[in-house]
Protein backbone atom coordinates (compact mmCIF):
# COMPACT_ATOMS: atom_id res chain seq x y z
CA GLU A 1 144.40 78.26 34.82
CA THR A 2 141.82 79.21 32.19
CA ILE A 3 138.46 78.04 30.88
CA THR A 4 137.41 78.41 27.23
CA ILE A 5 133.85 79.27 26.18
CA ASP A 6 132.96 79.86 22.53
CA ASP A 7 136.68 80.01 21.62
CA VAL A 8 137.38 82.74 24.21
CA SER A 9 139.67 81.96 27.16
CA TYR A 10 138.96 83.32 30.62
CA ALA A 11 141.26 83.23 33.64
CA TRP A 12 140.17 81.91 37.03
CA ARG A 13 140.30 84.50 39.83
CA ASP A 14 140.50 83.69 43.50
CA ILE A 15 137.82 85.16 45.76
CA VAL A 16 138.61 84.99 49.44
CA THR A 17 135.82 85.42 51.96
CA GLU A 18 135.96 85.51 55.71
CA ASP A 19 132.21 84.97 55.89
CA PHE A 20 131.98 81.75 57.88
CA GLU A 21 128.66 80.89 56.21
CA GLY A 22 130.41 80.78 52.82
CA HIS A 23 128.76 83.83 51.23
CA PHE A 24 130.50 85.68 48.43
CA ASP A 25 129.27 88.44 46.15
CA LEU A 26 129.99 88.36 42.40
CA SER A 27 128.50 91.79 41.67
CA PHE A 28 132.02 93.20 41.10
CA LEU A 29 132.26 91.32 37.78
CA ASP A 30 132.27 93.38 34.58
CA PRO A 31 130.20 93.51 32.55
CA LYS A 32 127.44 93.16 35.11
CA GLN A 33 125.00 91.93 32.47
CA ASN A 34 125.24 89.00 30.08
CA CYS A 35 128.27 87.44 31.71
CA TYR A 36 129.28 84.03 33.02
CA ALA A 37 130.52 83.36 36.52
CA PHE A 38 131.93 80.00 37.59
CA ALA A 39 132.77 78.99 41.13
CA ALA A 40 134.63 75.90 42.27
CA VAL A 41 134.82 74.91 45.91
CA ASP A 42 136.62 72.01 47.57
CA ILE A 43 135.11 70.98 50.88
CA GLU A 44 136.44 68.17 53.02
CA TRP A 45 133.98 66.85 55.57
CA ALA A 46 134.66 64.05 58.03
CA GLN A 47 131.22 62.45 57.81
CA ASP A 48 128.37 61.87 55.36
CA GLU A 49 125.37 64.07 55.98
CA THR A 50 122.77 66.09 54.13
CA VAL A 51 123.62 69.77 53.69
CA GLU A 52 121.82 72.75 52.16
CA LEU A 53 123.22 74.88 49.34
CA LYS A 54 121.75 78.35 48.97
CA LEU A 55 122.18 79.93 45.55
CA GLY A 56 120.81 83.16 44.14
CA SER A 57 120.70 84.29 40.52
CA ASP A 58 118.45 86.45 38.38
CA ASP A 59 119.26 84.22 35.40
CA GLY A 60 120.33 80.62 34.88
CA ALA A 61 122.31 78.58 37.38
CA VAL A 62 123.80 75.09 37.29
CA VAL A 63 125.28 73.13 40.20
CA TRP A 64 127.34 69.93 40.18
CA VAL A 65 128.36 68.00 43.29
CA ASN A 66 131.07 65.37 42.90
CA GLY A 67 130.57 65.41 39.13
CA LYS A 68 126.78 64.91 39.36
CA LEU A 69 124.33 67.55 38.11
CA VAL A 70 122.11 68.40 41.10
CA HIS A 71 120.45 71.66 40.00
CA GLN A 72 119.78 73.41 36.69
CA ASN A 73 117.67 76.50 36.04
CA ASP A 74 117.76 78.12 32.60
């Protein structure tokens, strides 16, 4: 599957982590500057509860949960 940005198509790549806290490092991406990184995660949870998302970036970041924008930092 691909995503198109400014008429350029990019392929999705799977990242598998065995970190049980859900951490993954995107520093392997090239180029390391001026690039986009998208992550999609499906989580099934048996009950409704409040959870905490920890996100780090030295530039902009946007987060959607169930189709709703919940964080944006340009």
